[in-house]
Amino acid sequence: MSTSDIFIGETIGTALLTLLGGGVCAAVTLKSSKARNAGWLAITFGWGFAVLIAAYVSAPLSGAHLNPAVTVGIAVKDGDWSNTGTYLAGQLLGAMIGSVLMWITYYGQFRSHLTDPELKTDPAAPAGPVLGVFSTGPEIRNVVQNLATEIIGTAVLVLAILTQGLQDGGKGLGVIGVLITSFVVVGIGLSLGGPTGYAINPVRDLGPRIVHALLPLPNKGGSDWSYSWIPVVGPLAGAALAGGLYNIAFA
């Protein structure tokens, strides 16, 4: 696959991922949404289906990494870092595009939610009232636990991907592998997502967080930059751990 194919595929795929994943968070969170208060099951399955759709669309072009953690895990496994920058650039751009499209889709709901006088917000809180639609955040702020949670969850994801037998020269999953990975994402969300919201993907968190900071949302509050490094460093560390473990145990 060419460099341009990788960049285009990762941009399109990650845009679909964050559009649909952020979309289910918006649907469950925002006032005047038909799915409001649908709950954690809706969010976990919504993200699983987002992975499924995005991966099937982008796989022919880029192998559908859609996640810097997957890209790093594969690079550690293979020792080939040649296209890593291209993958990461497409993923970050795609994550930002998808978040903007999600905002457009729910524009009226965002305004209704954020201008509702009954909405109780703490102006001193680091995270604004709709940041959770865009990015993850901890239920209990404990740096060690939050970081460990992201490392463990991402290690499970990347190890599950690496052990499925990558195709396209070892750069992507086959049809069944994409389906299995989507269910792995659901399983991680159900089992390990409670403490931090399971970013398990640096750009899934960072791209939308940047968009949240830039969008003209009324009363949007802070973007919680003090926490933002954890959903980036944790998944990358978990991916490196998974790649190393694969080479020790499975290679």
Protein backbone atom coordinates (compact mmCIF):
# COMPACT_ATOMS: atom_id res chain seq x y z
CA MET A 1 0.00 0.00 0.00
CA SER A 2 1.23 3.50 -0.87
CA THR A 3 1.80 6.39 1.52
CA SER A 4 -1.16 8.26 0.05
CA ASP A 5 -3.41 5.22 0.45
CA ILE A 6 -2.40 4.93 4.10
CA PHE A 7 -3.05 8.61 4.81
CA ILE A 8 -6.40 8.71 3.00
CA GLY A 9 -7.58 5.42 4.47
CA GLU A 10 -6.67 6.37 8.02
CA THR A 11 -8.21 9.83 7.66
CA ILE A 12 -11.51 8.48 6.35
CA GLY A 13 -11.62 5.55 8.74
CA THR A 14 -10.78 7.52 11.87
CA ALA A 15 -13.26 10.23 10.87
CA LEU A 16 -15.99 7.58 10.69
CA LEU A 17 -14.83 6.12 14.01
CA THR A 18 -15.06 9.41 15.89
CA LEU A 19 -18.23 10.53 14.09
CA LEU A 20 -20.09 7.38 15.12
CA GLY A 21 -18.39 6.88 18.49
CA GLY A 22 -18.79 10.51 19.48
CA GLY A 23 -22.29 10.37 18.03
CA VAL A 24 -23.44 7.68 20.45
CA CYS A 25 -21.99 9.68 23.35
CA ALA A 26 -23.89 12.76 22.16
CA ALA A 27 -27.07 10.76 21.68
CA VAL A 28 -26.95 9.43 25.23
CA THR A 29 -25.82 12.68 26.89
CA LEU A 30 -27.54 15.66 25.28
CA LYS A 31 -30.97 17.08 26.01
CA SER A 32 -33.51 16.81 23.18
CA SER A 33 -31.87 13.62 21.92
CA LYS A 34 -34.19 10.64 21.43
CA ALA A 35 -31.54 8.34 22.92
CA ARG A 36 -30.80 10.40 26.03
CA ASN A 37 -30.00 8.32 29.11
CA ALA A 38 -29.77 5.11 27.05
CA GLY A 39 -26.82 4.16 29.24
CA TRP A 40 -23.40 2.52 29.19
CA LEU A 41 -24.49 -0.48 27.13
CA ALA A 42 -25.54 1.83 24.30
CA ILE A 43 -22.18 3.62 24.45
CA THR A 44 -20.07 0.45 24.47
CA PHE A 45 -21.96 -1.17 21.61
CA GLY A 46 -22.06 2.13 19.73
CA TRP A 47 -18.28 2.34 19.86
CA GLY A 48 -17.98 -1.30 18.87
CA PHE A 49 -20.13 -0.73 15.79
CA ALA A 50 -18.16 2.45 15.04
CA VAL A 51 -14.97 0.37 14.94
CA LEU A 52 -16.68 -2.22 12.74
CA ILE A 53 -17.92 0.27 10.14
CA ALA A 54 -14.77 2.39 10.09
CA ALA A 55 -12.48 -0.62 9.78
CA TYR A 56 -14.42 -2.23 6.93
CA VAL A 57 -14.40 1.06 4.99
CA SER A 58 -10.71 1.85 5.46
CA ALA A 59 -9.17 -1.64 5.43
CA PRO A 60 -8.67 -1.83 1.63
CA LEU A 61 -6.62 1.37 1.68
CA SER A 62 -4.63 1.36 4.92
CA GLY A 63 -5.26 -1.88 6.79
CA ALA A 64 -7.54 0.04 9.18
CA HIS A 65 -5.31 0.78 12.13
CA LEU A 66 -7.48 3.80 13.14
CA ASN A 67 -5.48 4.03 16.35
CA PRO A 68 -1.85 5.03 17.04
CA ALA A 69 -1.73 2.26 19.65
CA VAL A 70 -2.43 -0.34 16.96
CA THR A 71 0.18 1.25 14.69
CA VAL A 72 2.78 1.23 17.48
CA GLY A 73 1.93 -2.33 18.51
CA ILE A 74 2.40 -3.58 14.94
CA ALA A 75 5.65 -1.59 14.59
CA VAL A 76 7.04 -3.10 17.81
CA LYS A 77 6.03 -6.56 16.61
CA ASP A 78 7.58 -6.18 13.16
CA GLY A 79 10.39 -3.72 13.88
CA ASP A 80 9.21 -1.59 10.94
CA TRP A 81 8.48 2.06 11.76
CA SER A 82 8.69 3.39 8.19
CA ASN A 83 5.05 4.46 7.79
CA THR A 84 4.27 5.23 11.42
CA GLY A 85 4.20 9.02 10.91
CA THR A 86 1.82 8.72 7.98
CA TYR A 87 -0.56 6.55 9.96
CA LEU A 88 -0.53 8.90 12.95
CA ALA A 89 -1.06 12.02 10.84
CA GLY A 90 -4.08 10.54 9.07
CA GLN A 91 -5.51 9.28 12.35
CA LEU A 92 -5.29 12.64 14.13
CA LEU A 93 -6.74 14.54 11.19
CA GLY A 94 -9.54 12.01 10.82
CA ALA A 95 -10.39 12.16 14.52
CA MET A 96 -10.75 15.93 14.33
CA ILE A 97 -12.87 15.80 11.18
CA GLY A 98 -15.16 13.17 12.67
CA SER A 99 -15.69 15.25 15.80
CA VAL A 100 -16.63 18.31 13.77
CA LEU A 101 -19.13 16.23 11.78
CA MET A 102 -20.59 14.91 15.04
CA TRP A 103 -20.99 18.49 16.31
CA ILE A 104 -22.76 19.50 13.11
CA THR A 105 -25.11 16.51 13.41
CA TYR A 106 -26.02 17.40 17.01
CA TYR A 107 -25.73 21.18 16.69
CA GLY A 108 -29.24 21.91 17.99
CA GLN A 109 -28.88 19.43 20.83
CA PHE A 110 -25.59 20.98 21.94
CA ARG A 111 -27.15 24.46 22.05
CA SER A 112 -30.26 23.21 23.84
CA HIS A 113 -28.18 21.34 26.40
CA LEU A 114 -25.63 24.05 27.10
CA THR A 115 -28.12 26.92 27.31
CA ASP A 116 -30.59 25.11 29.56
CA PRO A 117 -30.88 27.11 32.81
CA GLU A 118 -31.50 23.88 34.72
CA LEU A 119 -28.10 22.50 33.72
CA LYS A 120 -25.98 22.60 36.85
CA THR A 121 -22.30 23.15 36.15
CA ASP A 122 -19.33 23.81 38.40
CA PRO A 123 -17.31 26.66 36.88
CA ALA A 124 -14.24 25.46 38.81
CA ALA A 125 -14.39 21.94 37.38
CA PRO A 126 -11.61 21.11 34.89
CA ALA A 127 -14.01 19.37 32.51
CA GLY A 128 -16.96 21.17 30.94
CA PRO A 129 -20.51 19.73 30.88
CA VAL A 130 -20.22 18.17 27.40
CA LEU A 131 -16.51 17.28 27.29
CA GLY A 132 -17.49 13.64 27.80
CA VAL A 133 -19.14 13.67 24.38
CA PHE A 134 -15.75 14.46 22.86
CA SER A 135 -13.14 12.93 25.16
CA THR A 136 -12.69 10.60 28.09
CA GLY A 137 -12.32 11.47 31.74
CA PRO A 138 -11.83 9.61 35.02
CA GLU A 139 -14.54 8.93 37.56
CA ILE A 140 -11.87 9.09 40.28
CA ARG A 141 -8.81 11.25 39.62
CA ASN A 142 -5.86 9.10 40.51
CA VAL A 143 -2.95 9.43 38.09
CA VAL A 144 -1.46 6.00 38.78
CA GLN A 145 -4.77 4.17 38.56
CA ASN A 146 -5.99 6.13 35.53
CA LEU A 147 -2.73 5.53 33.66
CA ALA A 148 -2.67 1.85 34.60
CA THR A 149 -6.28 1.43 33.43
CA GLU A 150 -5.47 2.83 29.99
CA ILE A 151 -2.29 0.74 29.73
CA ILE A 152 -4.12 -2.48 30.64
CA GLY A 153 -7.13 -1.87 28.40
CA THR A 154 -4.98 -0.99 25.40
CA ALA A 155 -2.67 -3.94 25.94
CA VAL A 156 -5.71 -6.23 25.80
CA LEU A 157 -6.87 -4.60 22.54
CA VAL A 158 -3.50 -4.68 20.79
CA LEU A 159 -2.64 -8.21 21.91
CA ALA A 160 -6.03 -9.40 20.64
CA ILE A 161 -5.30 -7.79 17.26
CA LEU A 162 -1.74 -9.11 16.96
CA THR A 163 -2.73 -12.69 17.76
CA GLN A 164 -5.42 -12.85 15.06
CA GLY A 165 -2.97 -13.17 12.19
CA LEU A 166 -2.54 -9.88 10.31
CA GLN A 167 -3.05 -9.77 6.55
CA ASP A 168 -1.95 -7.35 3.80
CA GLY A 169 1.70 -7.92 4.55
CA GLY A 170 1.08 -7.91 8.27
CA LYS A 171 -0.44 -4.41 8.28
CA GLY A 172 -4.15 -5.09 8.78
CA LEU A 173 -6.93 -7.47 9.77
CA GLY A 174 -9.04 -9.65 7.53
CA VAL A 175 -12.83 -9.57 7.38
CA ILE A 176 -13.32 -11.87 10.38
CA GLY A 177 -10.54 -10.12 12.28
CA VAL A 178 -12.34 -6.78 11.98
CA LEU A 179 -15.52 -8.34 13.36
CA ILE A 180 -13.68 -9.96 16.27
CA THR A 181 -11.86 -6.71 17.08
CA SER A 182 -15.15 -4.84 17.21
CA PHE A 183 -16.41 -7.26 19.85
CA VAL A 184 -13.09 -6.94 21.70
CA VAL A 185 -13.69 -3.18 21.90
CA VAL A 186 -17.18 -3.80 23.29
CA GLY A 187 -15.78 -6.25 25.83
CA ILE A 188 -13.09 -3.82 26.97
CA GLY A 189 -15.71 -1.11 27.37
CA LEU A 190 -18.00 -3.32 29.42
CA SER A 191 -15.26 -4.79 31.62
CA LEU A 192 -12.55 -2.12 31.86
CA GLY A 193 -14.22 1.11 30.74
CA GLY A 194 -15.75 2.17 34.04
CA PRO A 195 -12.77 3.98 35.64
CA THR A 196 -11.70 6.24 32.73
CA GLY A 197 -14.12 5.80 29.85
CA TYR A 198 -11.59 3.59 27.99
CA ALA A 199 -9.85 5.82 25.47
CA ILE A 200 -7.53 2.96 24.38
CA ASN A 201 -6.75 5.21 21.40
CA PRO A 202 -4.72 8.44 21.70
CA VAL A 203 -6.30 10.27 18.74
CA ARG A 204 -9.83 9.19 19.67
CA ASP A 205 -9.27 11.34 22.77
CA LEU A 206 -6.83 14.04 21.67
CA GLY A 207 -8.42 14.96 18.32
CA PRO A 208 -11.91 15.52 19.75
CA ARG A 209 -10.45 17.31 22.78
CA ILE A 210 -8.75 19.80 20.45
CA VAL A 211 -12.03 20.25 18.59
CA HIS A 212 -13.89 20.81 21.88
CA ALA A 213 -11.39 23.55 22.76
CA LEU A 214 -11.83 25.26 19.38
CA LEU A 215 -15.57 24.99 18.72
CA PRO A 216 -17.86 27.94 19.54
CA LEU A 217 -19.95 26.04 22.08
CA PRO A 218 -21.77 28.24 24.62
CA ASN A 219 -20.93 27.55 28.27
CA LYS A 220 -18.76 24.61 27.20
CA GLY A 221 -16.36 24.82 30.14
CA GLY A 222 -12.83 23.50 30.23
CA SER A 223 -11.21 20.84 28.05
CA ASP A 224 -9.36 19.23 31.00
CA TRP A 225 -5.87 19.52 29.53
CA SER A 226 -4.33 18.47 32.85
CA TYR A 227 -5.73 14.97 32.27
CA SER A 228 -5.23 14.86 28.50
CA TRP A 229 -1.78 13.23 28.57
CA ILE A 230 -3.07 10.06 30.25
CA PRO A 231 -5.26 8.86 27.32
CA VAL A 232 -2.25 9.45 25.04
CA VAL A 233 0.65 8.04 27.05
CA GLY A 234 -1.32 5.15 28.56
CA PRO A 235 -2.47 3.61 25.26
CA LEU A 236 0.95 4.04 23.66
CA ALA A 237 2.62 2.34 26.62
CA GLY A 238 0.02 -0.45 26.55
CA ALA A 239 0.61 -0.94 22.83
CA ALA A 240 4.38 -1.22 23.28
CA LEU A 241 3.82 -3.68 26.13
CA ALA A 242 1.50 -5.80 23.97
CA GLY A 243 3.94 -5.78 21.03
CA GLY A 244 6.79 -6.87 23.27
CA LEU A 245 4.69 -9.56 24.93
CA TYR A 246 3.67 -10.88 21.51
CA ASN A 247 7.29 -11.18 20.42
CA ILE A 248 8.20 -13.02 23.64
CA ALA A 249 5.23 -15.39 23.83
CA PHE A 250 3.83 -15.86 20.33
CA ALA A 251 6.49 -15.05 17.72
